[in-house]
Amino acid sequence: MDDTTQFWRDPALPYAESRRACHSRACYRPHSHPTFSIGAVDEGASVFTGASGGPVGLRPGTLVFVPPQRVHACNPEPDREWSYQMLHLDVQWYESIRRENGLYAAHADEPVWMSREPAFYAGFCRLNGLLFSDAGPHEKEIALIEFVAECDAQAGHRIPLVSARGRRDRLAPVLDALQSADMPPRSLSELAALAGMSRYQLIRAFRAETGLTPHAWQLDQRVSQARERLRAGQPLAEVAYGLGFADQSHFQRVFKGHVGVTPGSYRR
């Protein structure tokens, strides 16, 4: 079968890069990355060198976690092809997530570790599928943050979550900021600061309280406001601009995704 390789990058998410290689026979010299790197074996047999115990044979469904600057290589068995995925995360961004969650920073002395847990591998595949999709940067950012936390949980680290008691009060300033139509867009970091939480804690607490992520909830609120304004006879462009959508095309995509019809059809 044909060897195909795809790369994903997004200027809105400069701290992450992903790669998918299918039916590859490429071999790599020992090398290192300045990033925290996560590899997944999808098909075929391969051998990883760079772990403390010597070469390790990898089978499909294996995840390999490589600290920054660790010399390693992963290659298919002789005369064999394999398929794999590789996610690279900027060290400063990765460490910022871990510090927010009360964990130590990544460092070069950390061991390479591996997982053959099927649910964990499936979660990584879902994340990478999302990165290569047409989903927006907010959704991808949240998925990346949640996966980093899942990596730490798999490694045995406990991340404290916000209890249900008092959660609504801590989220109140976030809900107010997101519900305000004339409020400029807020980053996830800014929203987390309003709640006094880490970004991961905010995602979990917000979803537990509302059933949605912060950005998804904000879009839902703005679509509800758009319906009211359209019923009142406001022009489409005025509604889109007044509710902070990037342009009319963005407004129409979001509105149809929530309501099932375009804004123009809804207004008629």
C-alpha atoms as a PDB file:
ATOM      1  CA  MET A   1       0.000   0.000   0.000  1.00  0.00           C
ATOM      2  CA  ASP A   2       1.076   3.608  -0.525  1.00  0.00           C
ATOM      3  CA  ASP A   3       3.161   5.363   2.111  1.00  0.00           C
ATOM      4  CA  THR A   4       1.304   8.499   3.238  1.00  0.00           C
ATOM      5  CA  THR A   5       2.362  11.067   5.810  1.00  0.00           C
ATOM      6  CA  GLN A   6       0.311  14.019   7.039  1.00  0.00           C
ATOM      7  CA  PHE A   7       1.213  16.887   9.349  1.00  0.00           C
ATOM      8  CA  TRP A   8      -1.126  19.060  11.404  1.00  0.00           C
ATOM      9  CA  ARG A   9      -0.220  22.539  12.587  1.00  0.00           C
ATOM     10  CA  ASP A  10      -2.366  25.526  13.547  1.00  0.00           C
ATOM     11  CA  PRO A  11      -1.037  29.086  14.064  1.00  0.00           C
ATOM     12  CA  ALA A  12      -3.688  29.494  16.770  1.00  0.00           C
ATOM     13  CA  LEU A  13      -2.130  26.553  18.676  1.00  0.00           C
ATOM     14  CA  PRO A  14       1.610  27.003  18.107  1.00  0.00           C
ATOM     15  CA  TYR A  15       2.541  24.728  21.017  1.00  0.00           C
ATOM     16  CA  ALA A  16       1.378  21.523  19.321  1.00  0.00           C
ATOM     17  CA  GLU A  17       2.237  19.626  16.148  1.00  0.00           C
ATOM     18  CA  SER A  18       1.014  16.215  15.044  1.00  0.00           C
ATOM     19  CA  ARG A  19       1.968  13.683  12.417  1.00  0.00           C
ATOM     20  CA  ARG A  20       0.274  10.614  10.945  1.00  0.00           C
ATOM     21  CA  ALA A  21       2.250   8.096   8.885  1.00  0.00           C
ATOM     22  CA  CYS A  22       0.591   5.114   7.193  1.00  0.00           C
ATOM     23  CA  HIS A  23       2.379   2.067   5.732  1.00  0.00           C
ATOM     24  CA  SER A  24       5.782   3.658   6.249  1.00  0.00           C
ATOM     25  CA  ARG A  25       9.152   1.946   5.803  1.00  0.00           C
ATOM     26  CA  ALA A  26      11.139   5.021   6.848  1.00  0.00           C
ATOM     27  CA  CYS A  27      13.901   4.431   9.387  1.00  0.00           C
ATOM     28  CA  TYR A  28      15.311   7.042  11.760  1.00  0.00           C
ATOM     29  CA  ARG A  29      18.752   7.569  13.238  1.00  0.00           C
ATOM     30  CA  PRO A  30      18.938   8.139  17.002  1.00  0.00           C
ATOM     31  CA  HIS A  31      17.660  11.653  17.600  1.00  0.00           C
ATOM     32  CA  SER A  32      15.955  13.887  20.161  1.00  0.00           C
ATOM     33  CA  HIS A  33      13.161  16.464  20.179  1.00  0.00           C
ATOM     34  CA  PRO A  34      12.989  19.746  22.094  1.00  0.00           C
ATOM     35  CA  THR A  35       9.359  18.852  22.799  1.00  0.00           C
ATOM     36  CA  PHE A  36       7.515  16.416  25.027  1.00  0.00           C
ATOM     37  CA  SER A  37       6.570  13.744  22.493  1.00  0.00           C
ATOM     38  CA  ILE A  38       3.911  11.045  22.413  1.00  0.00           C
ATOM     39  CA  GLY A  39       3.995   8.285  19.816  1.00  0.00           C
ATOM     40  CA  ALA A  40       1.324   5.712  19.014  1.00  0.00           C
ATOM     41  CA  VAL A  41       1.789   2.506  17.035  1.00  0.00           C
ATOM     42  CA  ASP A  42      -1.254   1.814  14.869  1.00  0.00           C
ATOM     43  CA  GLU A  43      -0.158  -1.104  12.664  1.00  0.00           C
ATOM     44  CA  GLY A  44       2.895  -3.292  12.130  1.00  0.00           C
ATOM     45  CA  ALA A  45       5.817  -4.234  14.350  1.00  0.00           C
ATOM     46  CA  SER A  46       8.513  -1.787  15.443  1.00  0.00           C
ATOM     47  CA  VAL A  47      11.397  -1.470  17.870  1.00  0.00           C
ATOM     48  CA  PHE A  48      11.975   1.468  20.229  1.00  0.00           C
ATOM     49  CA  THR A  49      15.491   2.290  21.432  1.00  0.00           C
ATOM     50  CA  GLY A  50      16.118   4.875  24.138  1.00  0.00           C
ATOM     51  CA  ALA A  51      14.354   3.318  27.121  1.00  0.00           C
ATOM     52  CA  SER A  52      16.475   2.537  30.167  1.00  0.00           C
ATOM     53  CA  GLY A  53      16.073  -1.229  29.814  1.00  0.00           C
ATOM     54  CA  GLY A  54      17.284  -1.408  26.223  1.00  0.00           C
ATOM     55  CA  PRO A  55      15.356  -1.942  22.944  1.00  0.00           C
ATOM     56  CA  VAL A  56      11.643  -2.631  23.302  1.00  0.00           C
ATOM     57  CA  GLY A  57       9.413  -4.285  20.731  1.00  0.00           C
ATOM     58  CA  LEU A  58       6.201  -2.345  20.161  1.00  0.00           C
ATOM     59  CA  ARG A  59       2.886  -3.741  19.004  1.00  0.00           C
ATOM     60  CA  PRO A  60      -0.194  -1.896  17.707  1.00  0.00           C
ATOM     61  CA  GLY A  61      -2.028  -0.011  20.431  1.00  0.00           C
ATOM     62  CA  THR A  62       1.137   1.018  22.295  1.00  0.00           C
ATOM     63  CA  LEU A  63       1.732   4.618  23.397  1.00  0.00           C
ATOM     64  CA  VAL A  64       5.287   5.846  24.074  1.00  0.00           C
ATOM     65  CA  PHE A  65       5.996   9.005  26.097  1.00  0.00           C
ATOM     66  CA  VAL A  66       9.378  10.589  25.428  1.00  0.00           C
ATOM     67  CA  PRO A  67      10.713  13.475  27.571  1.00  0.00           C
ATOM     68  CA  PRO A  68      12.373  16.459  25.867  1.00  0.00           C
ATOM     69  CA  GLN A  69      15.972  16.047  24.703  1.00  0.00           C
ATOM     70  CA  ARG A  70      15.900  12.251  25.200  1.00  0.00           C
ATOM     71  CA  VAL A  71      17.857  10.474  22.452  1.00  0.00           C
ATOM     72  CA  HIS A  72      15.759   7.689  20.964  1.00  0.00           C
ATOM     73  CA  ALA A  73      14.676   6.011  17.739  1.00  0.00           C
ATOM     74  CA  CYS A  74      11.678   3.949  16.675  1.00  0.00           C
ATOM     75  CA  ASN A  75      11.801   1.928  13.481  1.00  0.00           C
ATOM     76  CA  PRO A  76       9.878  -0.868  11.776  1.00  0.00           C
ATOM     77  CA  GLU A  77      11.267  -4.368  11.840  1.00  0.00           C
ATOM     78  CA  PRO A  78      13.463  -5.153   8.799  1.00  0.00           C
ATOM     79  CA  ASP A  79      11.555  -5.256   5.513  1.00  0.00           C
ATOM     80  CA  ARG A  80       8.308  -4.426   7.296  1.00  0.00           C
ATOM     81  CA  GLU A  81       6.049  -1.400   7.162  1.00  0.00           C
ATOM     82  CA  TRP A  82       4.210   0.238  10.021  1.00  0.00           C
ATOM     83  CA  SER A  83       1.716   2.995  10.741  1.00  0.00           C
ATOM     84  CA  TYR A  84       2.083   5.438  13.597  1.00  0.00           C
ATOM     85  CA  GLN A  85       1.093   8.817  15.029  1.00  0.00           C
ATOM     86  CA  MET A  86       3.314  11.359  16.758  1.00  0.00           C
ATOM     87  CA  LEU A  87       2.274  14.359  18.842  1.00  0.00           C
ATOM     88  CA  HIS A  88       4.789  17.008  19.891  1.00  0.00           C
ATOM     89  CA  LEU A  89       3.990  19.467  22.705  1.00  0.00           C
ATOM     90  CA  ASP A  90       6.032  22.583  23.446  1.00  0.00           C
ATOM     91  CA  VAL A  91       7.811  22.118  26.769  1.00  0.00           C
ATOM     92  CA  GLN A  92       6.882  25.537  28.182  1.00  0.00           C
ATOM     93  CA  TRP A  93       3.202  24.995  27.389  1.00  0.00           C
ATOM     94  CA  TYR A  94       3.282  21.434  28.723  1.00  0.00           C
ATOM     95  CA  GLU A  95       4.990  22.538  31.928  1.00  0.00           C
ATOM     96  CA  SER A  96       2.527  25.387  32.421  1.00  0.00           C
ATOM     97  CA  ILE A  97      -0.364  22.894  32.372  1.00  0.00           C
ATOM     98  CA  ARG A  98       1.402  20.634  34.856  1.00  0.00           C
ATOM     99  CA  ARG A  99       2.325  23.483  37.208  1.00  0.00           C
ATOM    100  CA  GLU A 100      -1.269  24.720  37.223  1.00  0.00           C
ATOM    101  CA  ASN A 101      -2.303  21.229  38.287  1.00  0.00           C
ATOM    102  CA  GLY A 102       0.246  21.193  41.110  1.00  0.00           C
ATOM    103  CA  LEU A 103       2.681  18.825  39.416  1.00  0.00           C
ATOM    104  CA  TYR A 104       6.407  19.126  38.803  1.00  0.00           C
ATOM    105  CA  ALA A 105       7.773  20.244  35.455  1.00  0.00           C
ATOM    106  CA  ALA A 106       8.953  17.822  32.791  1.00  0.00           C
ATOM    107  CA  HIS A 107      12.707  17.316  32.607  1.00  0.00           C
ATOM    108  CA  ALA A 108      15.252  15.370  30.594  1.00  0.00           C
ATOM    109  CA  ASP A 109      15.895  12.889  33.413  1.00  0.00           C
ATOM    110  CA  GLU A 110      12.318  11.623  33.373  1.00  0.00           C
ATOM    111  CA  PRO A 111      12.127   8.047  32.113  1.00  0.00           C
ATOM    112  CA  VAL A 112      10.536   7.059  28.857  1.00  0.00           C
ATOM    113  CA  TRP A 113       7.300   5.294  29.700  1.00  0.00           C
ATOM    114  CA  MET A 114       4.832   3.254  27.736  1.00  0.00           C
ATOM    115  CA  SER A 115       1.187   2.290  27.927  1.00  0.00           C
ATOM    116  CA  ARG A 116      -0.697  -0.562  26.349  1.00  0.00           C
ATOM    117  CA  GLU A 117      -4.023   0.408  27.905  1.00  0.00           C
ATOM    118  CA  PRO A 118      -6.637   0.146  25.094  1.00  0.00           C
ATOM    119  CA  ALA A 119      -8.834   2.989  26.395  1.00  0.00           C
ATOM    120  CA  PHE A 120      -5.821   5.315  26.680  1.00  0.00           C
ATOM    121  CA  TYR A 121      -4.714   4.511  23.130  1.00  0.00           C
ATOM    122  CA  ALA A 122      -8.274   5.082  21.883  1.00  0.00           C
ATOM    123  CA  GLY A 123      -8.319   8.463  23.654  1.00  0.00           C
ATOM    124  CA  PHE A 124      -5.103   9.476  21.920  1.00  0.00           C
ATOM    125  CA  CYS A 125      -6.540   8.465  18.550  1.00  0.00           C
ATOM    126  CA  ARG A 126      -9.649  10.553  19.228  1.00  0.00           C
ATOM    127  CA  LEU A 127      -7.472  13.528  20.137  1.00  0.00           C
ATOM    128  CA  ASN A 128      -5.374  13.232  17.010  1.00  0.00           C
ATOM    129  CA  GLY A 129      -8.463  12.758  14.866  1.00  0.00           C
ATOM    130  CA  LEU A 130      -9.846  15.968  16.326  1.00  0.00           C
ATOM    131  CA  LEU A 131      -6.605  17.848  15.630  1.00  0.00           C
ATOM    132  CA  PHE A 132      -6.742  16.838  11.961  1.00  0.00           C
ATOM    133  CA  SER A 133     -10.440  17.763  11.710  1.00  0.00           C
ATOM    134  CA  ASP A 134     -12.158  21.070  10.935  1.00  0.00           C
ATOM    135  CA  ALA A 135     -12.974  21.656  14.622  1.00  0.00           C
ATOM    136  CA  GLY A 136     -12.103  25.089  15.992  1.00  0.00           C
ATOM    137  CA  PRO A 137      -8.987  25.921  18.033  1.00  0.00           C
ATOM    138  CA  HIS A 138     -10.942  26.246  21.292  1.00  0.00           C
ATOM    139  CA  GLU A 139     -12.159  22.661  21.054  1.00  0.00           C
ATOM    140  CA  LYS A 140      -8.685  21.416  20.166  1.00  0.00           C
ATOM    141  CA  GLU A 141      -7.048  23.361  23.006  1.00  0.00           C
ATOM    142  CA  ILE A 142      -9.427  21.822  25.536  1.00  0.00           C
ATOM    143  CA  ALA A 143      -8.821  18.323  24.157  1.00  0.00           C
ATOM    144  CA  LEU A 144      -5.034  18.807  24.421  1.00  0.00           C
ATOM    145  CA  ILE A 145      -5.269  20.047  28.016  1.00  0.00           C
ATOM    146  CA  GLU A 146      -7.490  17.143  29.005  1.00  0.00           C
ATOM    147  CA  PHE A 147      -5.148  14.642  27.385  1.00  0.00           C
ATOM    148  CA  VAL A 148      -2.125  16.046  29.243  1.00  0.00           C
ATOM    149  CA  ALA A 149      -4.045  15.573  32.488  1.00  0.00           C
ATOM    150  CA  GLU A 150      -4.967  12.042  31.438  1.00  0.00           C
ATOM    151  CA  CYS A 151      -1.279  11.320  30.777  1.00  0.00           C
ATOM    152  CA  ASP A 152      -0.428  12.434  34.302  1.00  0.00           C
ATOM    153  CA  ALA A 153      -3.262  10.345  35.733  1.00  0.00           C
ATOM    154  CA  GLN A 154      -1.962   7.291  33.842  1.00  0.00           C
ATOM    155  CA  ALA A 155       1.489   7.981  35.294  1.00  0.00           C
ATOM    156  CA  GLY A 156      -0.004   7.884  38.795  1.00  0.00           C
ATOM    157  CA  HIS A 157      -0.322  11.603  39.518  1.00  0.00           C
ATOM    158  CA  ARG A 158      -3.474  12.841  41.216  1.00  0.00           C
ATOM    159  CA  ILE A 159      -4.925  16.161  40.039  1.00  0.00           C
ATOM    160  CA  PRO A 160      -7.329  17.758  42.556  1.00  0.00           C
ATOM    161  CA  LEU A 161     -10.720  18.733  41.162  1.00  0.00           C
ATOM    162  CA  VAL A 162     -13.109  21.403  42.396  1.00  0.00           C
ATOM    163  CA  SER A 163     -15.818  19.995  44.658  1.00  0.00           C
ATOM    164  CA  ALA A 164     -19.487  20.472  43.817  1.00  0.00           C
ATOM    165  CA  ARG A 165     -19.950  22.589  46.954  1.00  0.00           C
ATOM    166  CA  GLY A 166     -19.263  26.212  46.030  1.00  0.00           C
ATOM    167  CA  ARG A 167     -18.538  25.362  42.402  1.00  0.00           C
ATOM    168  CA  ARG A 168     -21.336  27.579  41.096  1.00  0.00           C
ATOM    169  CA  ASP A 169     -20.044  30.572  43.070  1.00  0.00           C
ATOM    170  CA  ARG A 170     -16.529  30.155  41.723  1.00  0.00           C
ATOM    171  CA  LEU A 171     -17.855  29.830  38.177  1.00  0.00           C
ATOM    172  CA  ALA A 172     -20.189  32.847  38.486  1.00  0.00           C
ATOM    173  CA  PRO A 173     -17.670  35.425  37.130  1.00  0.00           C
ATOM    174  CA  VAL A 174     -16.861  33.098  34.239  1.00  0.00           C
ATOM    175  CA  LEU A 175     -20.532  32.655  33.356  1.00  0.00           C
ATOM    176  CA  ASP A 176     -21.056  36.430  33.542  1.00  0.00           C
ATOM    177  CA  ALA A 177     -18.072  37.083  31.266  1.00  0.00           C
ATOM    178  CA  LEU A 178     -19.199  34.524  28.702  1.00  0.00           C
ATOM    179  CA  GLN A 179     -22.823  35.640  28.710  1.00  0.00           C
ATOM    180  CA  SER A 180     -22.053  39.293  28.036  1.00  0.00           C
ATOM    181  CA  ALA A 181     -22.606  39.971  24.334  1.00  0.00           C
ATOM    182  CA  ASP A 182     -20.310  43.000  24.259  1.00  0.00           C
ATOM    183  CA  MET A 183     -17.450  41.339  26.156  1.00  0.00           C
ATOM    184  CA  PRO A 184     -14.333  40.736  24.005  1.00  0.00           C
ATOM    185  CA  PRO A 185     -13.329  37.069  23.655  1.00  0.00           C
ATOM    186  CA  ARG A 186     -11.537  35.662  26.697  1.00  0.00           C
ATOM    187  CA  SER A 187      -8.861  33.010  26.533  1.00  0.00           C
ATOM    188  CA  LEU A 188      -9.173  29.844  28.570  1.00  0.00           C
ATOM    189  CA  SER A 189      -6.317  31.102  30.777  1.00  0.00           C
ATOM    190  CA  GLU A 190      -8.198  34.328  31.512  1.00  0.00           C
ATOM    191  CA  LEU A 191     -11.392  32.443  32.334  1.00  0.00           C
ATOM    192  CA  ALA A 192      -9.492  30.078  34.624  1.00  0.00           C
ATOM    193  CA  ALA A 193      -7.996  33.060  36.440  1.00  0.00           C
ATOM    194  CA  LEU A 194     -11.478  34.506  36.979  1.00  0.00           C
ATOM    195  CA  ALA A 195     -12.501  31.258  38.688  1.00  0.00           C
ATOM    196  CA  GLY A 196      -9.255  30.794  40.581  1.00  0.00           C
ATOM    197  CA  MET A 197      -8.710  27.397  38.945  1.00  0.00           C
ATOM    198  CA  SER A 198      -6.277  25.729  36.598  1.00  0.00           C
ATOM    199  CA  ARG A 199      -7.395  25.430  32.993  1.00  0.00           C
ATOM    200  CA  TYR A 200      -8.013  21.716  33.457  1.00  0.00           C
ATOM    201  CA  GLN A 201      -9.992  22.286  36.660  1.00  0.00           C
ATOM    202  CA  LEU A 202     -12.088  24.922  34.884  1.00  0.00           C
ATOM    203  CA  ILE A 203     -12.875  22.583  31.996  1.00  0.00           C
ATOM    204  CA  ARG A 204     -13.970  19.816  34.361  1.00  0.00           C
ATOM    205  CA  ALA A 205     -15.921  22.091  36.721  1.00  0.00           C
ATOM    206  CA  PHE A 206     -17.628  23.983  33.896  1.00  0.00           C
ATOM    207  CA  ARG A 207     -18.670  20.796  32.124  1.00  0.00           C
ATOM    208  CA  ALA A 208     -19.976  19.347  35.396  1.00  0.00           C
ATOM    209  CA  GLU A 209     -22.033  22.493  36.013  1.00  0.00           C
ATOM    210  CA  THR A 210     -23.362  23.177  32.503  1.00  0.00           C
ATOM    211  CA  GLY A 211     -22.776  20.036  30.448  1.00  0.00           C
ATOM    212  CA  LEU A 212     -20.577  22.003  28.028  1.00  0.00           C
ATOM    213  CA  THR A 213     -17.086  23.464  27.783  1.00  0.00           C
ATOM    214  CA  PRO A 214     -16.777  27.253  28.308  1.00  0.00           C
ATOM    215  CA  HIS A 215     -16.502  28.055  24.602  1.00  0.00           C
ATOM    216  CA  ALA A 216     -19.338  25.704  23.612  1.00  0.00           C
ATOM    217  CA  TRP A 217     -21.549  27.212  26.318  1.00  0.00           C
ATOM    218  CA  GLN A 218     -20.747  30.736  25.124  1.00  0.00           C
ATOM    219  CA  LEU A 219     -21.680  29.825  21.540  1.00  0.00           C
ATOM    220  CA  ASP A 220     -24.923  28.289  22.779  1.00  0.00           C
ATOM    221  CA  GLN A 221     -25.776  31.477  24.684  1.00  0.00           C
ATOM    222  CA  ARG A 222     -24.974  33.656  21.687  1.00  0.00           C
ATOM    223  CA  VAL A 223     -27.143  31.574  19.386  1.00  0.00           C
ATOM    224  CA  SER A 224     -30.026  32.043  21.844  1.00  0.00           C
ATOM    225  CA  GLN A 225     -29.383  35.796  21.818  1.00  0.00           C
ATOM    226  CA  ALA A 226     -29.190  35.723  18.011  1.00  0.00           C
ATOM    227  CA  ARG A 227     -32.619  34.092  17.800  1.00  0.00           C
ATOM    228  CA  GLU A 228     -34.096  36.875  19.897  1.00  0.00           C
ATOM    229  CA  ARG A 229     -32.471  39.584  17.769  1.00  0.00           C
ATOM    230  CA  LEU A 230     -33.506  37.951  14.511  1.00  0.00           C
ATOM    231  CA  ARG A 231     -37.107  37.719  15.716  1.00  0.00           C
ATOM    232  CA  ALA A 232     -36.878  41.434  16.539  1.00  0.00           C
ATOM    233  CA  GLY A 233     -35.941  42.129  12.913  1.00  0.00           C
ATOM    234  CA  GLN A 234     -32.246  43.009  13.239  1.00  0.00           C
ATOM    235  CA  PRO A 235     -30.198  42.577  10.028  1.00  0.00           C
ATOM    236  CA  LEU A 236     -27.984  39.474   9.845  1.00  0.00           C
ATOM    237  CA  ALA A 237     -24.746  41.445   9.658  1.00  0.00           C
ATOM    238  CA  GLU A 238     -25.714  43.514  12.680  1.00  0.00           C
ATOM    239  CA  VAL A 239     -26.566  40.410  14.695  1.00  0.00           C
ATOM    240  CA  ALA A 240     -23.318  38.662  13.746  1.00  0.00           C
ATOM    241  CA  TYR A 241     -21.177  41.692  14.551  1.00  0.00           C
ATOM    242  CA  GLY A 242     -23.040  42.556  17.739  1.00  0.00           C
ATOM    243  CA  LEU A 243     -22.577  39.056  19.160  1.00  0.00           C
ATOM    244  CA  GLY A 244     -18.870  38.858  18.416  1.00  0.00           C
ATOM    245  CA  PHE A 245     -18.819  36.385  15.532  1.00  0.00           C
ATOM    246  CA  ALA A 246     -15.792  36.640  13.257  1.00  0.00           C
ATOM    247  CA  ASP A 247     -17.968  37.243  10.179  1.00  0.00           C
ATOM    248  CA  GLN A 248     -21.356  36.353   8.729  1.00  0.00           C
ATOM    249  CA  SER A 249     -20.060  33.034   7.416  1.00  0.00           C
ATOM    250  CA  HIS A 250     -18.931  32.017  10.902  1.00  0.00           C
ATOM    251  CA  PHE A 251     -22.252  33.154  12.344  1.00  0.00           C
ATOM    252  CA  GLN A 252     -24.217  31.141   9.777  1.00  0.00           C
ATOM    253  CA  ARG A 253     -22.192  27.950  10.410  1.00  0.00           C
ATOM    254  CA  VAL A 254     -22.601  28.168  14.179  1.00  0.00           C
ATOM    255  CA  PHE A 255     -26.285  29.123  13.997  1.00  0.00           C
ATOM    256  CA  LYS A 256     -27.164  26.295  11.612  1.00  0.00           C
ATOM    257  CA  GLY A 257     -25.200  23.839  13.750  1.00  0.00           C
ATOM    258  CA  HIS A 258     -27.356  24.754  16.755  1.00  0.00           C
ATOM    259  CA  VAL A 259     -30.747  25.475  15.179  1.00  0.00           C
ATOM    260  CA  GLY A 260     -30.702  23.290  12.067  1.00  0.00           C
ATOM    261  CA  VAL A 261     -31.468  26.139   9.643  1.00  0.00           C
ATOM    262  CA  THR A 262     -29.606  29.241   8.492  1.00  0.00           C
ATOM    263  CA  PRO A 263     -30.256  32.583  10.225  1.00  0.00           C
ATOM    264  CA  GLY A 264     -32.021  33.841   7.089  1.00  0.00           C
ATOM    265  CA  SER A 265     -34.376  30.861   7.019  1.00  0.00           C
ATOM    266  CA  TYR A 266     -35.054  31.224  10.735  1.00  0.00           C
ATOM    267  CA  ARG A 267     -35.968  34.890  10.401  1.00  0.00           C
ATOM    268  CA  ARG A 268     -38.478  34.311   7.566  1.00  0.00           C
END
